[in-house]
């Protein structure tokens, strides 16, 4: 299931702005990784790693264009299989069995809507939101998925509406993740569930590769650690329940038998390249 990570380079006309840490609110940072046209800083308060200065949100949004849509179309099945594995790791079958028949699901950043369609086929009232118009339109036409173009904060869903909120490789792209989590809390039913999947900057790959790590790209304005991600949700009234990681070492960095062993150890010890957090409202 190895896939090339999509990324776009900062454009010369993009504007940047200094920002505070979204996890603890601290304004002071120290340099962490300097890359070509952008830089990651480390918060001196909580050690969260994020781009500072950061591209303005309106400029970031322009990166999700036709090239991005084509990447999502070509990799849809691989992403779907990975999302299903992540949900299974977090106990999705038990969660689904505990919910009433009229359960509601949303996939935030749903791309072409494969998971949205899958959940609808499982008798969920299922919807997605996707900022890339091309991807959203493809999902509506080709999959018959209910996809709203835009972001969660502009979709204007009712309060306490969803039983399960899912996002995979989304939160690291969002300029203001605190406001994003606040909106998740607003639209999540009391006792509902939220699954968030994102790269882990505390994982083995990030530790070994540093700024050459595949997730240290310009489109990722935040690089979360497990404690930082859990704190972001807990401070906004959502209870972390379970966190899993997987993917110990990138394909091609070691012979297959060694990779298999390292991947298993990383998952067992929580040092995987990607993490999935389950929280409850």
Protein backbone atom coordinates (compact mmCIF):
# COMPACT_ATOMS: atom_id res chain seq x y z
CA UNK A 1 0.00 0.00 0.00
CA UNK A 2 2.99 2.31 -0.35
CA UNK A 3 2.01 5.64 -1.91
CA UNK A 4 3.86 8.78 -2.84
CA UNK A 5 2.90 11.64 -0.52
CA UNK A 6 1.25 14.48 -2.41
CA UNK A 7 2.83 17.87 -1.87
CA UNK A 8 2.90 21.29 -3.49
CA UNK A 9 5.68 23.84 -3.25
CA UNK A 10 4.97 27.29 -1.78
CA UNK A 11 4.25 29.79 -4.55
CA UNK A 12 6.20 33.08 -4.66
CA UNK A 13 3.00 35.10 -4.28
CA UNK A 14 1.90 33.31 -1.09
CA UNK A 15 1.84 35.48 2.02
CA UNK A 16 2.87 34.32 5.47
CA UNK A 17 2.02 35.43 8.99
CA UNK A 18 3.39 34.73 12.49
CA UNK A 19 1.11 32.56 14.62
CA UNK A 20 0.86 31.23 18.17
CA UNK A 21 0.94 27.58 19.12
CA UNK A 22 -2.55 26.07 18.63
CA UNK A 23 -2.00 23.54 21.41
CA UNK A 24 -0.95 25.74 24.35
CA UNK A 25 -1.22 29.31 23.01
CA UNK A 26 2.46 30.13 23.58
CA UNK A 27 3.93 32.64 21.10
CA UNK A 28 7.61 31.84 21.59
CA UNK A 29 9.29 29.17 19.48
CA UNK A 30 12.73 27.95 18.51
CA UNK A 31 13.77 26.80 15.02
CA UNK A 32 13.25 23.13 14.29
CA UNK A 33 13.55 22.31 10.56
CA UNK A 34 14.42 24.75 7.77
CA UNK A 35 13.32 23.57 4.34
CA UNK A 36 13.01 25.01 0.84
CA UNK A 37 10.71 28.01 1.20
CA UNK A 38 9.19 27.14 4.58
CA UNK A 39 10.23 26.26 8.12
CA UNK A 40 8.95 24.34 11.12
CA UNK A 41 9.34 25.76 14.61
CA UNK A 42 9.02 24.07 18.01
CA UNK A 43 6.86 25.67 20.70
CA UNK A 44 8.89 26.37 23.83
CA UNK A 45 5.78 25.82 25.95
CA UNK A 46 4.55 22.38 24.84
CA UNK A 47 7.00 21.32 22.07
CA UNK A 48 4.34 21.26 19.34
CA UNK A 49 5.94 21.55 15.88
CA UNK A 50 4.28 23.80 13.34
CA UNK A 51 5.04 26.19 10.50
CA UNK A 52 5.81 29.64 11.85
CA UNK A 53 5.48 31.91 9.99
CA UNK A 54 2.59 30.13 8.31
CA UNK A 55 1.01 30.70 4.89
CA UNK A 56 -2.26 32.57 5.12
CA UNK A 57 -5.31 30.25 5.02
CA UNK A 58 -6.62 31.70 1.75
CA UNK A 59 -3.30 30.96 0.07
CA UNK A 60 -3.16 27.44 1.49
CA UNK A 61 -6.63 26.70 0.13
CA UNK A 62 -5.50 27.43 -3.43
CA UNK A 63 -3.09 24.48 -3.34
CA UNK A 64 -5.92 21.95 -3.53
CA UNK A 65 -6.41 22.13 -7.27
CA UNK A 66 -6.81 19.77 -10.23
CA UNK A 67 -3.44 18.09 -9.58
CA UNK A 68 -4.55 17.31 -6.04
CA UNK A 69 -7.85 15.92 -7.33
CA UNK A 70 -6.03 13.61 -9.76
CA UNK A 71 -3.83 12.31 -6.94
CA UNK A 72 -6.91 11.54 -4.86
CA UNK A 73 -8.62 9.74 -7.75
CA UNK A 74 -5.57 7.59 -8.49
CA UNK A 75 -5.02 6.60 -4.84
CA UNK A 76 -8.64 6.27 -3.71
CA UNK A 77 -8.64 2.51 -3.13
CA UNK A 78 -5.32 2.53 -1.26
CA UNK A 79 -6.54 5.32 1.01
CA UNK A 80 -9.82 3.48 1.58
CA UNK A 81 -8.03 0.29 2.63
CA UNK A 82 -5.81 2.22 5.03
CA UNK A 83 -8.80 4.02 6.55
CA UNK A 84 -10.60 0.72 7.10
CA UNK A 85 -7.53 -0.71 8.85
CA UNK A 86 -7.30 2.36 11.05
CA UNK A 87 -10.96 2.15 12.03
CA UNK A 88 -10.60 -1.55 12.80
CA UNK A 89 -7.58 -0.83 15.03
CA UNK A 90 -9.70 1.57 17.08
CA UNK A 91 -12.59 -0.87 17.55
CA UNK A 92 -15.03 0.35 14.89
CA UNK A 93 -17.13 -2.84 14.92
CA UNK A 94 -17.88 -2.42 18.62
CA UNK A 95 -18.68 1.26 18.18
CA UNK A 96 -21.02 0.56 15.28
CA UNK A 97 -22.82 -2.20 17.18
CA UNK A 98 -23.43 0.14 20.13
CA UNK A 99 -25.20 2.81 18.07
CA UNK A 100 -28.87 3.06 17.06
CA UNK A 101 -30.06 2.29 13.54
CA UNK A 102 -30.44 5.98 12.64
CA UNK A 103 -26.75 6.74 13.16
CA UNK A 104 -24.99 9.59 11.37
CA UNK A 105 -21.42 9.68 10.00
CA UNK A 106 -19.25 12.41 8.50
CA UNK A 107 -15.87 12.12 6.79
CA UNK A 108 -14.02 15.45 6.92
CA UNK A 109 -11.69 15.96 3.96
CA UNK A 110 -13.37 13.03 2.25
CA UNK A 111 -11.60 13.46 -1.13
CA UNK A 112 -13.58 11.48 -3.71
CA UNK A 113 -15.94 10.02 -1.13
CA UNK A 114 -15.01 6.32 -1.04
CA UNK A 115 -15.49 6.05 2.73
CA UNK A 116 -18.66 8.17 2.59
CA UNK A 117 -20.16 5.75 0.05
CA UNK A 118 -18.99 2.73 2.07
CA UNK A 119 -20.65 3.98 5.24
CA UNK A 120 -23.87 4.74 3.38
CA UNK A 121 -23.84 1.16 2.13
CA UNK A 122 -23.58 0.05 5.76
CA UNK A 123 -26.86 1.88 6.49
CA UNK A 124 -25.35 5.00 8.03
CA UNK A 125 -26.68 8.44 7.16
CA UNK A 126 -23.36 9.41 5.62
CA UNK A 127 -21.96 12.73 4.39
CA UNK A 128 -18.56 14.18 3.55
CA UNK A 129 -17.00 17.62 3.31
CA UNK A 130 -14.15 18.32 0.89
CA UNK A 131 -12.44 21.65 0.06
CA UNK A 132 -11.28 20.55 -3.41
CA UNK A 133 -14.20 21.19 -5.77
CA UNK A 134 -12.87 18.73 -8.36
CA UNK A 135 -12.63 15.88 -5.85
CA UNK A 136 -16.05 16.62 -4.37
CA UNK A 137 -17.67 16.76 -7.80
CA UNK A 138 -16.01 13.48 -8.80
CA UNK A 139 -17.35 11.77 -5.68
CA UNK A 140 -20.87 13.03 -6.25
CA UNK A 141 -20.91 11.98 -9.93
CA UNK A 142 -18.95 8.74 -9.84
CA UNK A 143 -19.87 7.36 -6.41
CA UNK A 144 -23.22 8.95 -5.66
CA UNK A 145 -21.77 10.18 -2.37
CA UNK A 146 -23.29 13.07 -0.43
CA UNK A 147 -20.38 15.52 -0.39
CA UNK A 148 -20.51 19.20 0.57
CA UNK A 149 -17.80 21.35 -0.99
CA UNK A 150 -15.95 23.36 1.64
CA UNK A 151 -14.71 22.82 5.18
CA UNK A 152 -16.44 21.67 8.36
CA UNK A 153 -16.66 25.18 9.79
CA UNK A 154 -18.61 26.50 6.78
CA UNK A 155 -20.86 23.46 6.27
CA UNK A 156 -23.24 24.67 9.03
CA UNK A 157 -24.39 21.29 10.34
CA UNK A 158 -26.78 21.33 13.32
CA UNK A 159 -25.53 21.03 16.89
CA UNK A 160 -25.08 17.49 18.26
CA UNK A 161 -25.72 15.95 14.84
CA UNK A 162 -23.18 13.15 14.27
CA UNK A 163 -22.55 9.83 16.03
CA UNK A 164 -19.14 9.34 14.41
CA UNK A 165 -16.81 11.99 12.97
CA UNK A 166 -13.83 10.82 10.94
CA UNK A 167 -10.87 12.60 9.39
CA UNK A 168 -7.76 11.02 7.89
CA UNK A 169 -4.66 13.08 7.08
CA UNK A 170 -6.59 16.33 7.44
CA UNK A 171 -5.77 18.06 10.73
CA UNK A 172 -2.11 18.59 9.80
CA UNK A 173 -3.30 20.71 6.84
CA UNK A 174 -5.62 22.95 8.87
CA UNK A 175 -4.29 26.40 9.79
CA UNK A 176 -6.34 26.68 13.01
CA UNK A 177 -6.77 23.16 14.41
CA UNK A 178 -8.21 24.51 17.67
CA UNK A 179 -11.19 26.06 15.88
CA UNK A 180 -11.53 22.83 13.90
CA UNK A 181 -11.77 20.75 17.09
CA UNK A 182 -14.24 23.25 18.58
CA UNK A 183 -16.50 22.69 15.57
CA UNK A 184 -16.12 18.92 15.88
CA UNK A 185 -17.28 19.17 19.48
CA UNK A 186 -20.27 21.32 18.47
CA UNK A 187 -21.58 18.92 15.82
CA UNK A 188 -20.76 15.70 17.73
CA UNK A 189 -23.56 14.12 19.74
CA UNK A 190 -22.97 13.78 23.49
CA UNK A 191 -21.30 10.40 23.89
CA UNK A 192 -20.45 10.34 20.17
CA UNK A 193 -17.11 9.29 18.72
CA UNK A 194 -14.40 11.06 16.74
CA UNK A 195 -11.50 9.40 14.87
CA UNK A 196 -8.54 11.53 13.79
CA UNK A 197 -5.64 10.09 11.78
CA UNK A 198 -2.46 12.11 11.21
CA UNK A 199 1.32 11.62 10.86
CA UNK A 200 3.20 11.30 14.15
CA UNK A 201 6.25 13.53 14.55
CA UNK A 202 7.25 11.30 17.48
CA UNK A 203 7.40 8.24 15.23
CA UNK A 204 10.50 6.31 14.26
CA UNK A 205 10.60 7.66 10.69
CA UNK A 206 10.55 11.29 11.84
CA UNK A 207 13.28 10.57 14.38
CA UNK A 208 15.50 8.82 11.82
CA UNK A 209 14.96 11.13 8.84
CA UNK A 210 14.47 14.54 10.45
CA UNK A 211 13.58 17.22 7.92
CA UNK A 212 13.74 14.60 5.16
CA UNK A 213 10.77 12.78 6.69
CA UNK A 214 8.04 12.34 4.08
CA UNK A 215 5.52 14.30 6.18
CA UNK A 216 7.70 17.38 6.65
CA UNK A 217 6.14 18.99 3.59
CA UNK A 218 4.90 22.49 2.86
CA UNK A 219 1.24 21.43 2.86
CA UNK A 220 1.50 20.20 6.46
CA UNK A 221 1.33 23.28 8.66
CA UNK A 222 1.25 21.16 11.84
CA UNK A 223 3.16 18.04 12.86
CA UNK A 224 1.52 16.52 15.92
CA UNK A 225 2.94 14.24 18.58
CA UNK A 226 0.62 11.84 20.44
CA UNK A 227 0.60 14.00 23.60
CA UNK A 228 0.03 17.19 21.60
CA UNK A 229 -2.89 15.73 19.63
CA UNK A 230 -4.52 14.33 22.76
CA UNK A 231 -4.12 17.63 24.59
CA UNK A 232 -5.66 19.57 21.69
CA UNK A 233 -8.86 17.50 22.00
CA UNK A 234 -8.89 17.15 25.80
CA UNK A 235 -8.54 20.90 26.38
CA UNK A 236 -11.67 21.38 24.26
CA UNK A 237 -13.83 18.96 26.20
CA UNK A 238 -13.36 15.75 24.22
CA UNK A 239 -12.09 12.66 26.03
CA UNK A 240 -9.20 10.71 24.47
CA UNK A 241 -10.04 7.01 24.68
CA UNK A 242 -7.51 5.16 22.54
CA UNK A 243 -4.45 5.96 20.41
CA UNK A 244 -2.81 3.57 17.95
CA UNK A 245 0.18 3.99 15.65
CA UNK A 246 1.51 1.97 12.72
CA UNK A 247 4.20 2.09 10.01
CA UNK A 248 7.63 1.86 11.63
CA UNK A 249 9.94 2.42 8.68
CA UNK A 250 9.45 3.59 5.12
CA UNK A 251 9.48 1.10 2.26
CA UNK A 252 12.94 0.88 0.69
CA UNK A 253 14.87 1.90 3.81
CA UNK A 254 15.46 -1.70 4.88
CA UNK A 255 15.06 -5.24 3.51
CA UNK A 256 11.52 -6.57 3.75
CA UNK A 257 12.09 -8.97 6.71
CA UNK A 258 13.72 -6.20 8.75
CA UNK A 259 10.96 -3.74 7.84
CA UNK A 260 8.33 -6.23 9.01
CA UNK A 261 10.02 -6.64 12.40
CA UNK A 262 10.57 -2.88 12.84
CA UNK A 263 6.96 -2.11 11.88
CA UNK A 264 5.66 -4.56 14.49
CA UNK A 265 7.92 -3.19 17.20
CA UNK A 266 7.03 0.41 16.36
CA UNK A 267 3.32 -0.35 16.54
CA UNK A 268 3.70 -2.18 19.83
CA UNK A 269 5.76 0.64 21.36
CA UNK A 270 3.72 3.52 19.89
CA UNK A 271 6.46 4.77 17.54
CA UNK A 272 4.60 4.32 14.26
CA UNK A 273 4.74 6.86 11.45
CA UNK A 274 0.98 7.47 11.56
CA UNK A 275 -1.33 7.69 14.57
CA UNK A 276 -5.07 7.32 15.00
CA UNK A 277 -6.78 8.93 17.98
CA UNK A 278 -10.23 7.94 19.19
CA UNK A 279 -12.02 10.49 21.40
CA UNK A 280 -15.51 10.63 22.86
CA UNK A 281 -17.86 13.55 23.31
